[in-house]
Amino acid sequence: MTFSTATRLAWPACASLSLGGCAISPSLPLFGAAFPDWLFCIAGGVVATVIVHRALGRRGLRGALSPLAVTYPALTAIFATAAWLIFFAH
């Protein structure tokens, strides 16, 4: 098999694999507009992180999560992923 034959066979295979992502996007209709599911999960992750921030602040344990610039985005990602798995996993 020459390089050109292999290339001609590889292009359709790559195209068919990349078209697998062209399915219907997961979205929720809200007030007449379709919002993606991940948007709600991120918003819930931010709200949960704010709740953790306030709870740790009241107990004086906010320093336990240092560095905060790394910890709070990580907490948001964990909460958003958990919300996705709980509410939207198919």
PDB file of N, CA and C in Angstrom:
ATOM      1  N   MET A   1       0.849  -1.161   0.000  1.00  0.00           N
ATOM      2  CA  MET A   1       0.000   0.000   0.000  1.00  0.00           C
ATOM      3  C   MET A   1       0.900   1.230   0.000  1.00  0.00           C
ATOM      4  N   THR A   2       0.658   2.132  -0.916  1.00  0.00           N
ATOM      5  CA  THR A   2       1.467   3.327  -1.006  1.00  0.00           C
ATOM      6  C   THR A   2       0.925   4.396  -0.077  1.00  0.00           C
ATOM      7  N   PHE A   3       1.702   5.452   0.075  1.00  0.00           N
ATOM      8  CA  PHE A   3       1.292   6.549   0.954  1.00  0.00           C
ATOM      9  C   PHE A   3       0.007   7.188   0.471  1.00  0.00           C
ATOM     10  N   SER A   4      -0.157   7.366  -0.803  1.00  0.00           N
ATOM     11  CA  SER A   4      -1.366   8.019  -1.314  1.00  0.00           C
ATOM     12  C   SER A   4      -2.599   7.147  -1.101  1.00  0.00           C
ATOM     13  N   THR A   5      -2.453   5.830  -1.205  1.00  0.00           N
ATOM     14  CA  THR A   5      -3.589   4.944  -0.954  1.00  0.00           C
ATOM     15  C   THR A   5      -3.966   4.968   0.523  1.00  0.00           C
ATOM     16  N   ALA A   6      -2.974   4.948   1.373  1.00  0.00           N
ATOM     17  CA  ALA A   6      -3.249   5.010   2.812  1.00  0.00           C
ATOM     18  C   ALA A   6      -3.893   6.336   3.176  1.00  0.00           C
ATOM     19  N   THR A   7      -3.434   7.408   2.556  1.00  0.00           N
ATOM     20  CA  THR A   7      -4.011   8.724   2.832  1.00  0.00           C
ATOM     21  C   THR A   7      -5.456   8.779   2.361  1.00  0.00           C
ATOM     22  N   ARG A   8      -5.723   8.221   1.183  1.00  0.00           N
ATOM     23  CA  ARG A   8      -7.096   8.233   0.674  1.00  0.00           C
ATOM     24  C   ARG A   8      -8.030   7.408   1.548  1.00  0.00           C
ATOM     25  N   LEU A   9      -7.522   6.368   2.162  1.00  0.00           N
ATOM     26  CA  LEU A   9      -8.347   5.562   3.059  1.00  0.00           C
ATOM     27  C   LEU A   9      -8.489   6.193   4.444  1.00  0.00           C
ATOM     28  N   ALA A  10      -7.508   6.969   4.863  1.00  0.00           N
ATOM     29  CA  ALA A  10      -7.532   7.564   6.201  1.00  0.00           C
ATOM     30  C   ALA A  10      -8.494   8.742   6.292  1.00  0.00           C
ATOM     31  N   TRP A  11      -8.623   9.521   5.221  1.00  0.00           N
ATOM     32  CA  TRP A  11      -9.493  10.700   5.280  1.00  0.00           C
ATOM     33  C   TRP A  11     -10.947  10.351   5.576  1.00  0.00           C
ATOM     34  N   PRO A  12     -11.563   9.393   4.906  1.00  0.00           N
ATOM     35  CA  PRO A  12     -12.951   9.061   5.255  1.00  0.00           C
ATOM     36  C   PRO A  12     -13.082   8.512   6.679  1.00  0.00           C
ATOM     37  N   ALA A  13     -12.088   7.759   7.126  1.00  0.00           N
ATOM     38  CA  ALA A  13     -12.143   7.229   8.490  1.00  0.00           C
ATOM     39  C   ALA A  13     -12.085   8.360   9.508  1.00  0.00           C
ATOM     40  N   CYS A  14     -11.199   9.316   9.297  1.00  0.00           N
ATOM     41  CA  CYS A  14     -11.100  10.457  10.215  1.00  0.00           C
ATOM     42  C   CYS A  14     -12.359  11.309  10.171  1.00  0.00           C
ATOM     43  N   ALA A  15     -12.914  11.494   8.988  1.00  0.00           N
ATOM     44  CA  ALA A  15     -14.135  12.287   8.866  1.00  0.00           C
ATOM     45  C   ALA A  15     -15.302  11.619   9.575  1.00  0.00           C
ATOM     46  N   SER A  16     -15.432  10.310   9.446  1.00  0.00           N
ATOM     47  CA  SER A  16     -16.541   9.620  10.102  1.00  0.00           C
ATOM     48  C   SER A  16     -16.381   9.635  11.619  1.00  0.00           C
ATOM     49  N   LEU A  17     -15.156   9.566  12.110  1.00  0.00           N
ATOM     50  CA  LEU A  17     -14.943   9.641  13.556  1.00  0.00           C
ATOM     51  C   LEU A  17     -15.237  11.020  14.100  1.00  0.00           C
ATOM     52  N   SER A  18     -14.900  12.052  13.349  1.00  0.00           N
ATOM     53  CA  SER A  18     -15.132  13.410  13.833  1.00  0.00           C
ATOM     54  C   SER A  18     -16.599  13.808  13.752  1.00  0.00           C
ATOM     55  N   LEU A  19     -17.385  13.161  12.909  1.00  0.00           N
ATOM     56  CA  LEU A  19     -18.803  13.481  12.812  1.00  0.00           C
ATOM     57  C   LEU A  19     -19.616  12.876  13.951  1.00  0.00           C
ATOM     58  N   GLY A  20     -19.006  12.073  14.780  1.00  0.00           N
ATOM     59  CA  GLY A  20     -19.711  11.513  15.922  1.00  0.00           C
ATOM     60  C   GLY A  20     -20.130  12.578  16.927  1.00  0.00           C
ATOM     61  N   GLY A  21     -19.469  13.718  16.934  1.00  0.00           N
ATOM     62  CA  GLY A  21     -19.826  14.805  17.833  1.00  0.00           C
ATOM     63  C   GLY A  21     -20.931  15.682  17.307  1.00  0.00           C
ATOM     64  N   CYS A  22     -21.461  15.375  16.141  1.00  0.00           N
ATOM     65  CA  CYS A  22     -22.515  16.193  15.539  1.00  0.00           C
ATOM     66  C   CYS A  22     -23.905  15.709  15.929  1.00  0.00           C
ATOM     67  N   ALA A  23     -24.047  15.195  17.111  1.00  0.00           N
ATOM     68  CA  ALA A  23     -25.349  14.764  17.603  1.00  0.00           C
ATOM     69  C   ALA A  23     -26.090  15.969  18.165  1.00  0.00           C
ATOM     70  N   ILE A  24     -27.294  15.745  18.590  1.00  0.00           N
ATOM     71  CA  ILE A  24     -28.089  16.824  19.177  1.00  0.00           C
ATOM     72  C   ILE A  24     -27.420  17.262  20.473  1.00  0.00           C
ATOM     73  N   SER A  25     -27.230  18.546  20.625  1.00  0.00           N
ATOM     74  CA  SER A  25     -26.555  19.037  21.824  1.00  0.00           C
ATOM     75  C   SER A  25     -27.496  18.976  23.020  1.00  0.00           C
ATOM     76  N   PRO A  26     -26.968  18.638  24.189  1.00  0.00           N
ATOM     77  CA  PRO A  26     -27.810  18.600  25.377  1.00  0.00           C
ATOM     78  C   PRO A  26     -28.119  20.019  25.825  1.00  0.00           C
ATOM     79  N   SER A  27     -29.383  20.373  25.780  1.00  0.00           N
ATOM     80  CA  SER A  27     -29.770  21.720  26.184  1.00  0.00           C
ATOM     81  C   SER A  27     -31.144  21.676  26.829  1.00  0.00           C
ATOM     82  N   LEU A  28     -31.427  22.715  27.584  1.00  0.00           N
ATOM     83  CA  LEU A  28     -32.705  22.830  28.268  1.00  0.00           C
ATOM     84  C   LEU A  28     -33.443  24.057  27.748  1.00  0.00           C
ATOM     85  N   PRO A  29     -34.702  23.906  27.339  1.00  0.00           N
ATOM     86  CA  PRO A  29     -35.459  25.087  26.933  1.00  0.00           C
ATOM     87  C   PRO A  29     -35.887  25.887  28.175  1.00  0.00           C
ATOM     88  N   LEU A  30     -35.548  27.151  28.182  1.00  0.00           N
ATOM     89  CA  LEU A  30     -35.873  28.003  29.312  1.00  0.00           C
ATOM     90  C   LEU A  30     -36.249  29.380  28.778  1.00  0.00           C
ATOM     91  N   PHE A  31     -37.473  29.805  29.007  1.00  0.00           N
ATOM     92  CA  PHE A  31     -37.978  31.091  28.544  1.00  0.00           C
ATOM     93  C   PHE A  31     -37.837  31.247  27.030  1.00  0.00           C
ATOM     94  N   GLY A  32     -38.045  30.171  26.303  1.00  0.00           N
ATOM     95  CA  GLY A  32     -38.012  30.227  24.853  1.00  0.00           C
ATOM     96  C   GLY A  32     -36.635  30.112  24.234  1.00  0.00           C
ATOM     97  N   ALA A  33     -35.595  30.000  25.033  1.00  0.00           N
ATOM     98  CA  ALA A  33     -34.235  29.861  24.506  1.00  0.00           C
ATOM     99  C   ALA A  33     -33.649  28.552  25.017  1.00  0.00           C
ATOM    100  N   ALA A  34     -32.784  27.968  24.227  1.00  0.00           N
ATOM    101  CA  ALA A  34     -32.154  26.711  24.617  1.00  0.00           C
ATOM    102  C   ALA A  34     -30.788  27.000  25.229  1.00  0.00           C
ATOM    103  N   PHE A  35     -30.623  26.661  26.486  1.00  0.00           N
ATOM    104  CA  PHE A  35     -29.363  26.863  27.188  1.00  0.00           C
ATOM    105  C   PHE A  35     -28.657  25.524  27.321  1.00  0.00           C
ATOM    106  N   PRO A  36     -27.353  25.501  27.116  1.00  0.00           N
ATOM    107  CA  PRO A  36     -26.636  24.227  27.271  1.00  0.00           C
ATOM    108  C   PRO A  36     -26.609  23.782  28.731  1.00  0.00           C
ATOM    109  N   ASP A  37     -26.618  22.476  28.912  1.00  0.00           N
ATOM    110  CA  ASP A  37     -26.655  21.906  30.263  1.00  0.00           C
ATOM    111  C   ASP A  37     -25.454  22.314  31.098  1.00  0.00           C
ATOM    112  N   TRP A  38     -24.283  22.390  30.471  1.00  0.00           N
ATOM    113  CA  TRP A  38     -23.078  22.705  31.233  1.00  0.00           C
ATOM    114  C   TRP A  38     -23.144  24.098  31.841  1.00  0.00           C
ATOM    115  N   LEU A  39     -23.931  24.995  31.235  1.00  0.00           N
ATOM    116  CA  LEU A  39     -24.054  26.350  31.776  1.00  0.00           C
ATOM    117  C   LEU A  39     -24.718  26.322  33.150  1.00  0.00           C
ATOM    118  N   PHE A  40     -25.749  25.505  33.282  1.00  0.00           N
ATOM    119  CA  PHE A  40     -26.417  25.372  34.578  1.00  0.00           C
ATOM    120  C   PHE A  40     -25.512  24.683  35.594  1.00  0.00           C
ATOM    121  N   CYS A  41     -24.724  23.724  35.141  1.00  0.00           N
ATOM    122  CA  CYS A  41     -23.814  23.024  36.047  1.00  0.00           C
ATOM    123  C   CYS A  41     -22.729  23.959  36.569  1.00  0.00           C
ATOM    124  N   ILE A  42     -22.188  24.809  35.707  1.00  0.00           N
ATOM    125  CA  ILE A  42     -21.168  25.764  36.156  1.00  0.00           C
ATOM    126  C   ILE A  42     -21.770  26.773  37.127  1.00  0.00           C
ATOM    127  N   ALA A  43     -22.971  27.251  36.832  1.00  0.00           N
ATOM    128  CA  ALA A  43     -23.624  28.198  37.751  1.00  0.00           C
ATOM    129  C   ALA A  43     -23.856  27.544  39.111  1.00  0.00           C
ATOM    130  N   GLY A  44     -24.286  26.288  39.115  1.00  0.00           N
ATOM    131  CA  GLY A  44     -24.461  25.573  40.377  1.00  0.00           C
ATOM    132  C   GLY A  44     -23.147  25.339  41.092  1.00  0.00           C
ATOM    133  N   GLY A  45     -22.072  25.094  40.333  1.00  0.00           N
ATOM    134  CA  GLY A  45     -20.752  24.920  40.938  1.00  0.00           C
ATOM    135  C   GLY A  45     -20.252  26.190  41.595  1.00  0.00           C
ATOM    136  N   VAL A  46     -20.516  27.333  40.958  1.00  0.00           N
ATOM    137  CA  VAL A  46     -20.112  28.616  41.542  1.00  0.00           C
ATOM    138  C   VAL A  46     -20.910  28.882  42.816  1.00  0.00           C
ATOM    139  N   VAL A  47     -22.204  28.615  42.789  1.00  0.00           N
ATOM    140  CA  VAL A  47     -23.036  28.825  43.982  1.00  0.00           C
ATOM    141  C   VAL A  47     -22.575  27.913  45.116  1.00  0.00           C
ATOM    142  N   ALA A  48     -22.275  26.651  44.818  1.00  0.00           N
ATOM    143  CA  ALA A  48     -21.805  25.735  45.857  1.00  0.00           C
ATOM    144  C   ALA A  48     -20.457  26.171  46.416  1.00  0.00           C
ATOM    145  N   THR A  49     -19.579  26.711  45.553  1.00  0.00           N
ATOM    146  CA  THR A  49     -18.279  27.190  46.025  1.00  0.00           C
ATOM    147  C   THR A  49     -18.445  28.409  46.927  1.00  0.00           C
ATOM    148  N   VAL A  50     -19.381  29.285  46.602  1.00  0.00           N
ATOM    149  CA  VAL A  50     -19.647  30.451  47.465  1.00  0.00           C
ATOM    150  C   VAL A  50     -20.170  29.985  48.818  1.00  0.00           C
ATOM    151  N   ILE A  51     -21.011  28.971  48.822  1.00  0.00           N
ATOM    152  CA  ILE A  51     -21.523  28.438  50.091  1.00  0.00           C
ATOM    153  C   ILE A  51     -20.383  27.860  50.925  1.00  0.00           C
ATOM    154  N   VAL A  52     -19.475  27.116  50.290  1.00  0.00           N
ATOM    155  CA  VAL A  52     -18.311  26.573  51.007  1.00  0.00           C
ATOM    156  C   VAL A  52     -17.430  27.714  51.521  1.00  0.00           C
ATOM    157  N   HIS A  53     -17.239  28.743  50.712  1.00  0.00           N
ATOM    158  CA  HIS A  53     -16.427  29.893  51.109  1.00  0.00           C
ATOM    159  C   HIS A  53     -16.997  30.562  52.358  1.00  0.00           C
ATOM    160  N   ARG A  54     -18.295  30.781  52.353  1.00  0.00           N
ATOM    161  CA  ARG A  54     -18.930  31.431  53.521  1.00  0.00           C
ATOM    162  C   ARG A  54     -18.907  30.525  54.753  1.00  0.00           C
ATOM    163  N   ALA A  55     -19.133  29.235  54.557  1.00  0.00           N
ATOM    164  CA  ALA A  55     -19.127  28.307  55.696  1.00  0.00           C
ATOM    165  C   ALA A  55     -17.743  28.220  56.315  1.00  0.00           C
ATOM    166  N   LEU A  56     -16.705  28.170  55.485  1.00  0.00           N
ATOM    167  CA  LEU A  56     -15.344  28.120  56.026  1.00  0.00           C
ATOM    168  C   LEU A  56     -14.948  29.452  56.653  1.00  0.00           C
ATOM    169  N   GLY A  57     -15.449  30.543  56.108  1.00  0.00           N
ATOM    170  CA  GLY A  57     -15.152  31.853  56.680  1.00  0.00           C
ATOM    171  C   GLY A  57     -15.751  32.030  58.064  1.00  0.00           C
ATOM    172  N   ARG A  58     -16.936  31.508  58.260  1.00  0.00           N
ATOM    173  CA  ARG A  58     -17.582  31.613  59.574  1.00  0.00           C
ATOM    174  C   ARG A  58     -16.858  30.784  60.632  1.00  0.00           C
ATOM    175  N   ARG A  59     -16.265  29.692  60.206  1.00  0.00           N
ATOM    176  CA  ARG A  59     -15.549  28.825  61.143  1.00  0.00           C
ATOM    177  C   ARG A  59     -14.076  29.179  61.261  1.00  0.00           C
ATOM    178  N   GLY A  60     -13.610  30.132  60.463  1.00  0.00           N
ATOM    179  CA  GLY A  60     -12.214  30.544  60.523  1.00  0.00           C
ATOM    180  C   GLY A  60     -11.267  29.550  59.870  1.00  0.00           C
ATOM    181  N   LEU A  61     -11.760  28.746  58.951  1.00  0.00           N
ATOM    182  CA  LEU A  61     -10.944  27.716  58.314  1.00  0.00           C
ATOM    183  C   LEU A  61     -10.608  28.034  56.857  1.00  0.00           C
ATOM    184  N   ARG A  62     -10.801  29.257  56.454  1.00  0.00           N
ATOM    185  CA  ARG A  62     -10.571  29.617  55.057  1.00  0.00           C
ATOM    186  C   ARG A  62      -9.112  29.432  54.662  1.00  0.00           C
ATOM    187  N   GLY A  63      -8.199  29.584  55.586  1.00  0.00           N
ATOM    188  CA  GLY A  63      -6.779  29.409  55.296  1.00  0.00           C
ATOM    189  C   GLY A  63      -6.393  27.967  54.997  1.00  0.00           C
ATOM    190  N   ALA A  64      -7.263  27.018  55.361  1.00  0.00           N
ATOM    191  CA  ALA A  64      -6.966  25.611  55.100  1.00  0.00           C
ATOM    192  C   ALA A  64      -7.021  25.269  53.619  1.00  0.00           C
ATOM    193  N   LEU A  65      -7.622  26.138  52.836  1.00  0.00           N
ATOM    194  CA  LEU A  65      -7.747  25.881  51.402  1.00  0.00           C
ATOM    195  C   LEU A  65      -6.759  26.688  50.576  1.00  0.00           C
ATOM    196  N   SER A  66      -5.614  27.000  51.141  1.00  0.00           N
ATOM    197  CA  SER A  66      -4.667  27.825  50.387  1.00  0.00           C
ATOM    198  C   SER A  66      -3.912  26.968  49.380  1.00  0.00           C
ATOM    199  N   PRO A  67      -3.546  27.498  48.264  1.00  0.00           N
ATOM    200  CA  PRO A  67      -3.787  28.824  47.700  1.00  0.00           C
ATOM    201  C   PRO A  67      -5.207  28.918  47.135  1.00  0.00           C
ATOM    202  N   LEU A  68      -5.881  29.984  47.478  1.00  0.00           N
ATOM    203  CA  LEU A  68      -7.284  30.140  47.115  1.00  0.00           C
ATOM    204  C   LEU A  68      -7.485  30.271  45.612  1.00  0.00           C
ATOM    205  N   ALA A  69      -6.506  30.834  44.908  1.00  0.00           N
ATOM    206  CA  ALA A  69      -6.630  31.011  43.456  1.00  0.00           C
ATOM    207  C   ALA A  69      -6.654  29.674  42.721  1.00  0.00           C
ATOM    208  N   VAL A  70      -6.163  28.629  43.357  1.00  0.00           N
ATOM    209  CA  VAL A  70      -6.201  27.299  42.760  1.00  0.00           C
ATOM    210  C   VAL A  70      -7.377  26.501  43.318  1.00  0.00           C
ATOM    211  N   THR A  71      -7.641  26.653  44.590  1.00  0.00           N
ATOM    212  CA  THR A  71      -8.635  25.829  45.264  1.00  0.00           C
ATOM    213  C   THR A  71     -10.054  26.150  44.835  1.00  0.00           C
ATOM    214  N   TYR A  72     -10.410  27.421  44.739  1.00  0.00           N
ATOM    215  CA  TYR A  72     -11.786  27.767  44.394  1.00  0.00           C
ATOM    216  C   TYR A  72     -12.165  27.377  42.968  1.00  0.00           C
ATOM    217  N   PRO A  73     -11.323  27.582  41.962  1.00  0.00           N
ATOM    218  CA  PRO A  73     -11.687  27.045  40.643  1.00  0.00           C
ATOM    219  C   PRO A  73     -11.774  25.513  40.629  1.00  0.00           C
ATOM    220  N   ALA A  74     -10.914  24.860  41.412  1.00  0.00           N
ATOM    221  CA  ALA A  74     -10.982  23.402  41.489  1.00  0.00           C
ATOM    222  C   ALA A  74     -12.279  22.948  42.152  1.00  0.00           C
ATOM    223  N   LEU A  75     -12.686  23.635  43.219  1.00  0.00           N
ATOM    224  CA  LEU A  75     -13.962  23.311  43.864  1.00  0.00           C
ATOM    225  C   LEU A  75     -15.127  23.538  42.911  1.00  0.00           C
ATOM    226  N   THR A  76     -15.073  24.632  42.156  1.00  0.00           N
ATOM    227  CA  THR A  76     -16.131  24.913  41.190  1.00  0.00           C
ATOM    228  C   THR A  76     -16.198  23.800  40.143  1.00  0.00           C
ATOM    229  N   ALA A  77     -15.061  23.357  39.660  1.00  0.00           N
ATOM    230  CA  ALA A  77     -15.036  22.287  38.666  1.00  0.00           C
ATOM    231  C   ALA A  77     -15.567  20.974  39.258  1.00  0.00           C
ATOM    232  N   ILE A  78     -15.214  20.692  40.492  1.00  0.00           N
ATOM    233  CA  ILE A  78     -15.694  19.459  41.135  1.00  0.00           C
ATOM    234  C   ILE A  78     -17.206  19.509  41.317  1.00  0.00           C
ATOM    235  N   PHE A  79     -17.717  20.631  41.807  1.00  0.00           N
ATOM    236  CA  PHE A  79     -19.158  20.754  42.004  1.00  0.00           C
ATOM    237  C   PHE A  79     -19.909  20.739  40.678  1.00  0.00           C
ATOM    238  N   ALA A  80     -19.367  21.387  39.653  1.00  0.00           N
ATOM    239  CA  ALA A  80     -20.022  21.406  38.340  1.00  0.00           C
ATOM    240  C   ALA A  80     -20.040  20.010  37.729  1.00  0.00           C
ATOM    241  N   THR A  81     -18.947  19.281  37.861  1.00  0.00           N
ATOM    242  CA  THR A  81     -18.897  17.919  37.334  1.00  0.00           C
ATOM    243  C   THR A  81     -19.848  17.000  38.086  1.00  0.00           C
ATOM    244  N   ALA A  82     -19.912  17.172  39.387  1.00  0.00           N
ATOM    245  CA  ALA A  82     -20.842  16.359  40.176  1.00  0.00           C
ATOM    246  C   ALA A  82     -22.291  16.663  39.787  1.00  0.00           C
ATOM    247  N   ALA A  83     -22.605  17.928  39.575  1.00  0.00           N
ATOM    248  CA  ALA A  83     -23.960  18.293  39.147  1.00  0.00           C
ATOM    249  C   ALA A  83     -24.269  17.697  37.781  1.00  0.00           C
ATOM    250  N   TRP A  84     -23.292  17.718  36.882  1.00  0.00           N
ATOM    251  CA  TRP A  84     -23.495  17.124  35.555  1.00  0.00           C
ATOM    252  C   TRP A  84     -23.782  15.626  35.674  1.00  0.00           C
ATOM    253  N   LEU A  85     -23.003  14.937  36.504  1.00  0.00           N
ATOM    254  CA  LEU A  85     -23.190  13.496  36.653  1.00  0.00           C
ATOM    255  C   LEU A  85     -24.505  13.153  37.338  1.00  0.00           C
ATOM    256  N   ILE A  86     -24.943  13.975  38.267  1.00  0.00           N
ATOM    257  CA  ILE A  86     -26.178  13.699  38.987  1.00  0.00           C
ATOM    258  C   ILE A  86     -27.399  13.993  38.130  1.00  0.00           C
ATOM    259  N   PHE A  87     -27.419  15.157  37.450  1.00  0.00           N
ATOM    260  CA  PHE A  87     -28.627  15.602  36.784  1.00  0.00           C
ATOM    261  C   PHE A  87     -28.685  15.316  35.282  1.00  0.00           C
ATOM    262  N   PHE A  88     -27.545  15.283  34.593  1.00  0.00           N
ATOM    263  CA  PHE A  88     -27.588  15.230  33.134  1.00  0.00           C
ATOM    264  C   PHE A  88     -26.895  14.038  32.517  1.00  0.00           C
ATOM    265  N   ALA A  89     -26.322  13.147  33.277  1.00  0.00           N
ATOM    266  CA  ALA A  89     -25.638  11.988  32.694  1.00  0.00           C
ATOM    267  C   ALA A  89     -26.677  11.046  32.090  1.00  0.00           C
ATOM    268  N   HIS A  90     -26.410  10.600  30.899  1.00  0.00           N
ATOM    269  CA  HIS A  90     -27.374   9.728  30.209  1.00  0.00           C
ATOM    270  C   HIS A  90     -26.869   8.326  30.188  1.00  0.00           C
TER     271      HIS A  90
END
